[in-house]
């Protein structure tokens, strides 16, 4: 007895172009997850999603056991919710509840002045949410032809999103 391939086309959103089937989980620009418009609220499920997300070829995938599906992400999966400045730099609180130090060399300025940085050891981009954006903006200064984040004696230029990572401008 041969097994017929199951037709999953009924589960695909109209115009779906993903390599893997969709997870039917949407992530909005503020990092809020939903399923068909209903917010995901179960803490254990949300934690499992955060632990299982991967970024491959610009696509956000959930890998659980031997199953893979693609998330529908409006901008970035991770969002910086809060910024706290320390003597050493800045500490970020992310939408998954984790906290980590900002890598200021990873800062990028995107469309509509949205600020991004690398998180999770550089594995993911993160968008600064509204509150974090305004917290970070308190330390942004004009610098030559653009803007820079002032941390201590260093200024870290805000490059365009596609630009390569930069180092600090010392003693400015």
C-alpha atoms as a PDB file:
ATOM      1  CA  UNK A   1       0.000   0.000   0.000  1.00  0.00           C
ATOM      2  CA  UNK A   2       1.490   3.316  -1.098  1.00  0.00           C
ATOM      3  CA  UNK A   3       1.001   6.403   0.994  1.00  0.00           C
ATOM      4  CA  UNK A   4      -0.446   9.386  -0.817  1.00  0.00           C
ATOM      5  CA  UNK A   5       1.161  12.723  -0.114  1.00  0.00           C
ATOM      6  CA  UNK A   6      -1.086  14.830   2.091  1.00  0.00           C
ATOM      7  CA  UNK A   7      -2.328  18.048   0.466  1.00  0.00           C
ATOM      8  CA  UNK A   8      -1.585  20.896   2.886  1.00  0.00           C
ATOM      9  CA  UNK A   9      -2.544  23.695   0.485  1.00  0.00           C
ATOM     10  CA  UNK A  10      -5.718  24.413   2.446  1.00  0.00           C
ATOM     11  CA  UNK A  11      -3.557  25.449   5.403  1.00  0.00           C
ATOM     12  CA  UNK A  12      -1.410  27.892   3.436  1.00  0.00           C
ATOM     13  CA  UNK A  13      -2.267  31.594   3.582  1.00  0.00           C
ATOM     14  CA  UNK A  14      -3.149  33.071   0.189  1.00  0.00           C
ATOM     15  CA  UNK A  15       0.030  33.850  -1.751  1.00  0.00           C
ATOM     16  CA  UNK A  16       2.267  31.939   0.678  1.00  0.00           C
ATOM     17  CA  UNK A  17       5.823  31.772  -0.692  1.00  0.00           C
ATOM     18  CA  UNK A  18       7.607  30.152   2.244  1.00  0.00           C
ATOM     19  CA  UNK A  19       9.976  27.216   1.941  1.00  0.00           C
ATOM     20  CA  UNK A  20       8.312  25.494   4.907  1.00  0.00           C
ATOM     21  CA  UNK A  21       4.653  25.318   5.890  1.00  0.00           C
ATOM     22  CA  UNK A  22       3.419  28.265   7.952  1.00  0.00           C
ATOM     23  CA  UNK A  23       3.137  27.860  11.712  1.00  0.00           C
ATOM     24  CA  UNK A  24      -0.027  29.971  11.626  1.00  0.00           C
ATOM     25  CA  UNK A  25       1.687  32.210  14.197  1.00  0.00           C
ATOM     26  CA  UNK A  26       2.057  35.901  13.433  1.00  0.00           C
ATOM     27  CA  UNK A  27       4.521  38.257  15.146  1.00  0.00           C
ATOM     28  CA  UNK A  28       3.719  41.956  14.846  1.00  0.00           C
ATOM     29  CA  UNK A  29       6.252  44.805  14.728  1.00  0.00           C
ATOM     30  CA  UNK A  30       6.139  45.105  18.523  1.00  0.00           C
ATOM     31  CA  UNK A  31       6.967  41.398  18.972  1.00  0.00           C
ATOM     32  CA  UNK A  32       3.481  40.315  20.050  1.00  0.00           C
ATOM     33  CA  UNK A  33       2.535  36.807  18.934  1.00  0.00           C
ATOM     34  CA  UNK A  34      -0.906  35.775  17.759  1.00  0.00           C
ATOM     35  CA  UNK A  35      -2.647  32.893  16.038  1.00  0.00           C
ATOM     36  CA  UNK A  36      -5.244  33.955  13.471  1.00  0.00           C
ATOM     37  CA  UNK A  37      -5.588  37.327  15.215  1.00  0.00           C
ATOM     38  CA  UNK A  38      -5.946  35.928  18.750  1.00  0.00           C
ATOM     39  CA  UNK A  39      -3.062  36.809  21.087  1.00  0.00           C
ATOM     40  CA  UNK A  40      -0.955  33.919  22.339  1.00  0.00           C
ATOM     41  CA  UNK A  41      -1.107  34.078  26.127  1.00  0.00           C
ATOM     42  CA  UNK A  42      -0.108  30.645  27.489  1.00  0.00           C
ATOM     43  CA  UNK A  43       3.305  31.227  29.121  1.00  0.00           C
ATOM     44  CA  UNK A  44       4.600  27.687  28.516  1.00  0.00           C
ATOM     45  CA  UNK A  45       3.744  27.796  24.804  1.00  0.00           C
ATOM     46  CA  UNK A  46       5.296  31.257  24.427  1.00  0.00           C
ATOM     47  CA  UNK A  47       8.465  30.094  26.228  1.00  0.00           C
ATOM     48  CA  UNK A  48       8.696  27.050  23.952  1.00  0.00           C
ATOM     49  CA  UNK A  49       8.375  29.273  20.861  1.00  0.00           C
ATOM     50  CA  UNK A  50      11.148  31.597  22.088  1.00  0.00           C
ATOM     51  CA  UNK A  51      13.408  28.600  22.757  1.00  0.00           C
ATOM     52  CA  UNK A  52      12.688  27.019  19.371  1.00  0.00           C
ATOM     53  CA  UNK A  53      13.017  29.946  16.954  1.00  0.00           C
ATOM     54  CA  UNK A  54      15.822  30.006  14.381  1.00  0.00           C
ATOM     55  CA  UNK A  55      16.728  32.532  11.702  1.00  0.00           C
ATOM     56  CA  UNK A  56      17.751  30.893   8.437  1.00  0.00           C
ATOM     57  CA  UNK A  57      18.126  32.661   5.106  1.00  0.00           C
ATOM     58  CA  UNK A  58      16.128  35.629   6.406  1.00  0.00           C
ATOM     59  CA  UNK A  59      13.192  33.438   7.516  1.00  0.00           C
ATOM     60  CA  UNK A  60      12.086  32.806  11.078  1.00  0.00           C
ATOM     61  CA  UNK A  61      11.549  29.095  11.661  1.00  0.00           C
ATOM     62  CA  UNK A  62      10.270  27.047  14.559  1.00  0.00           C
ATOM     63  CA  UNK A  63      12.161  23.796  14.942  1.00  0.00           C
ATOM     64  CA  UNK A  64      10.600  21.354  17.400  1.00  0.00           C
ATOM     65  CA  UNK A  65      11.588  17.692  17.375  1.00  0.00           C
ATOM     66  CA  UNK A  66      11.714  16.836  13.663  1.00  0.00           C
ATOM     67  CA  UNK A  67       9.091  19.412  12.676  1.00  0.00           C
ATOM     68  CA  UNK A  68       9.787  22.765  11.011  1.00  0.00           C
ATOM     69  CA  UNK A  69       7.389  25.577  10.198  1.00  0.00           C
ATOM     70  CA  UNK A  70       7.776  29.226   9.289  1.00  0.00           C
ATOM     71  CA  UNK A  71       6.598  32.153  11.409  1.00  0.00           C
ATOM     72  CA  UNK A  72       4.951  35.191   9.829  1.00  0.00           C
ATOM     73  CA  UNK A  73       7.066  38.045  11.254  1.00  0.00           C
ATOM     74  CA  UNK A  74       6.218  41.682  10.460  1.00  0.00           C
ATOM     75  CA  UNK A  75       9.738  43.017  11.170  1.00  0.00           C
ATOM     76  CA  UNK A  76      11.939  41.220  13.724  1.00  0.00           C
ATOM     77  CA  UNK A  77      11.078  38.359  16.069  1.00  0.00           C
ATOM     78  CA  UNK A  78      12.931  39.921  18.988  1.00  0.00           C
ATOM     79  CA  UNK A  79      12.103  43.427  20.190  1.00  0.00           C
ATOM     80  CA  UNK A  80      14.013  45.525  22.705  1.00  0.00           C
ATOM     81  CA  UNK A  81      11.453  46.485  25.342  1.00  0.00           C
ATOM     82  CA  UNK A  82      13.667  48.522  27.673  1.00  0.00           C
ATOM     83  CA  UNK A  83      17.160  50.059  27.870  1.00  0.00           C
ATOM     84  CA  UNK A  84      19.047  50.715  31.100  1.00  0.00           C
ATOM     85  CA  UNK A  85      22.332  52.604  30.956  1.00  0.00           C
ATOM     86  CA  UNK A  86      25.200  51.393  33.109  1.00  0.00           C
ATOM     87  CA  UNK A  87      28.753  52.600  33.643  1.00  0.00           C
ATOM     88  CA  UNK A  88      29.904  49.963  31.162  1.00  0.00           C
ATOM     89  CA  UNK A  89      27.286  50.654  28.473  1.00  0.00           C
ATOM     90  CA  UNK A  90      23.649  49.695  28.116  1.00  0.00           C
ATOM     91  CA  UNK A  91      21.588  46.708  29.233  1.00  0.00           C
ATOM     92  CA  UNK A  92      18.676  45.576  27.049  1.00  0.00           C
ATOM     93  CA  UNK A  93      15.480  43.865  28.177  1.00  0.00           C
ATOM     94  CA  UNK A  94      13.964  41.838  25.344  1.00  0.00           C
ATOM     95  CA  UNK A  95      10.398  40.783  24.643  1.00  0.00           C
ATOM     96  CA  UNK A  96      11.225  37.181  25.629  1.00  0.00           C
ATOM     97  CA  UNK A  97      11.988  38.309  29.191  1.00  0.00           C
ATOM     98  CA  UNK A  98      15.763  37.976  28.830  1.00  0.00           C
ATOM     99  CA  UNK A  99      18.325  40.721  29.341  1.00  0.00           C
ATOM    100  CA  UNK A 100      21.710  41.240  27.716  1.00  0.00           C
ATOM    101  CA  UNK A 101      24.329  43.884  27.132  1.00  0.00           C
ATOM    102  CA  UNK A 102      23.994  46.029  24.025  1.00  0.00           C
ATOM    103  CA  UNK A 103      26.643  45.507  21.366  1.00  0.00           C
ATOM    104  CA  UNK A 104      26.803  49.168  20.278  1.00  0.00           C
ATOM    105  CA  UNK A 105      28.718  48.271  17.096  1.00  0.00           C
ATOM    106  CA  UNK A 106      25.626  46.390  15.913  1.00  0.00           C
ATOM    107  CA  UNK A 107      23.320  49.451  15.998  1.00  0.00           C
ATOM    108  CA  UNK A 108      21.586  50.189  12.694  1.00  0.00           C
ATOM    109  CA  UNK A 109      19.146  52.842  11.577  1.00  0.00           C
ATOM    110  CA  UNK A 110      16.345  51.509   9.391  1.00  0.00           C
ATOM    111  CA  UNK A 111      13.415  52.933   7.506  1.00  0.00           C
ATOM    112  CA  UNK A 112      11.371  55.576   9.346  1.00  0.00           C
ATOM    113  CA  UNK A 113      14.264  56.047  11.823  1.00  0.00           C
ATOM    114  CA  UNK A 114      13.639  52.642  13.450  1.00  0.00           C
ATOM    115  CA  UNK A 115      16.707  51.483  15.386  1.00  0.00           C
ATOM    116  CA  UNK A 116      17.936  47.879  15.290  1.00  0.00           C
ATOM    117  CA  UNK A 117      20.736  45.936  16.971  1.00  0.00           C
ATOM    118  CA  UNK A 118      22.009  42.367  17.101  1.00  0.00           C
ATOM    119  CA  UNK A 119      20.956  40.146  20.031  1.00  0.00           C
ATOM    120  CA  UNK A 120      21.398  36.560  21.193  1.00  0.00           C
ATOM    121  CA  UNK A 121      25.119  36.554  20.487  1.00  0.00           C
ATOM    122  CA  UNK A 122      24.581  38.219  17.117  1.00  0.00           C
ATOM    123  CA  UNK A 123      22.237  35.470  15.878  1.00  0.00           C
ATOM    124  CA  UNK A 124      19.159  37.713  15.551  1.00  0.00           C
ATOM    125  CA  UNK A 125      18.297  41.305  14.737  1.00  0.00           C
ATOM    126  CA  UNK A 126      16.084  43.138  17.210  1.00  0.00           C
ATOM    127  CA  UNK A 127      13.963  46.222  16.716  1.00  0.00           C
ATOM    128  CA  UNK A 128      13.831  48.843  19.454  1.00  0.00           C
ATOM    129  CA  UNK A 129      10.236  49.118  20.648  1.00  0.00           C
ATOM    130  CA  UNK A 130       8.736  52.531  21.284  1.00  0.00           C
ATOM    131  CA  UNK A 131       9.728  52.838  24.982  1.00  0.00           C
ATOM    132  CA  UNK A 132      13.246  51.485  24.359  1.00  0.00           C
ATOM    133  CA  UNK A 133      13.647  53.793  21.356  1.00  0.00           C
ATOM    134  CA  UNK A 134      12.972  56.861  23.504  1.00  0.00           C
ATOM    135  CA  UNK A 135      15.250  55.570  26.271  1.00  0.00           C
ATOM    136  CA  UNK A 136      18.075  55.047  23.768  1.00  0.00           C
ATOM    137  CA  UNK A 137      17.373  58.410  22.087  1.00  0.00           C
ATOM    138  CA  UNK A 138      18.395  60.202  25.303  1.00  0.00           C
ATOM    139  CA  UNK A 139      21.990  59.125  24.554  1.00  0.00           C
ATOM    140  CA  UNK A 140      21.981  59.809  20.801  1.00  0.00           C
ATOM    141  CA  UNK A 141      23.908  62.834  19.594  1.00  0.00           C
ATOM    142  CA  UNK A 142      24.567  64.442  16.222  1.00  0.00           C
ATOM    143  CA  UNK A 143      27.949  63.389  14.926  1.00  0.00           C
ATOM    144  CA  UNK A 144      29.285  64.805  11.690  1.00  0.00           C
ATOM    145  CA  UNK A 145      26.945  63.714   8.912  1.00  0.00           C
ATOM    146  CA  UNK A 146      24.765  61.463  11.059  1.00  0.00           C
ATOM    147  CA  UNK A 147      23.948  60.333  14.566  1.00  0.00           C
ATOM    148  CA  UNK A 148      25.815  58.324  17.189  1.00  0.00           C
ATOM    149  CA  UNK A 149      25.089  56.673  20.522  1.00  0.00           C
ATOM    150  CA  UNK A 150      27.187  58.305  23.247  1.00  0.00           C
ATOM    151  CA  UNK A 151      28.336  55.801  25.875  1.00  0.00           C
ATOM    152  CA  UNK A 152      30.998  57.104  28.250  1.00  0.00           C
ATOM    153  CA  UNK A 153      33.892  58.471  26.214  1.00  0.00           C
ATOM    154  CA  UNK A 154      32.812  56.648  23.051  1.00  0.00           C
ATOM    155  CA  UNK A 155      30.414  57.480  20.269  1.00  0.00           C
ATOM    156  CA  UNK A 156      28.993  54.587  18.264  1.00  0.00           C
ATOM    157  CA  UNK A 157      27.719  55.698  14.838  1.00  0.00           C
ATOM    158  CA  UNK A 158      24.223  54.700  13.808  1.00  0.00           C
ATOM    159  CA  UNK A 159      24.804  53.185  10.381  1.00  0.00           C
ATOM    160  CA  UNK A 160      22.172  52.512   7.781  1.00  0.00           C
ATOM    161  CA  UNK A 161      20.603  49.081   8.270  1.00  0.00           C
ATOM    162  CA  UNK A 162      22.563  47.544   5.391  1.00  0.00           C
ATOM    163  CA  UNK A 163      25.931  49.021   6.437  1.00  0.00           C
ATOM    164  CA  UNK A 164      28.737  46.988   7.981  1.00  0.00           C
ATOM    165  CA  UNK A 165      29.329  47.054  11.750  1.00  0.00           C
ATOM    166  CA  UNK A 166      31.345  49.986  12.992  1.00  0.00           C
ATOM    167  CA  UNK A 167      33.595  50.664  15.957  1.00  0.00           C
ATOM    168  CA  UNK A 168      33.541  53.527  18.430  1.00  0.00           C
ATOM    169  CA  UNK A 169      34.816  56.997  17.754  1.00  0.00           C
ATOM    170  CA  UNK A 170      37.107  57.520  20.769  1.00  0.00           C
ATOM    171  CA  UNK A 171      37.179  60.557  23.014  1.00  0.00           C
ATOM    172  CA  UNK A 172      34.488  62.639  21.354  1.00  0.00           C
END
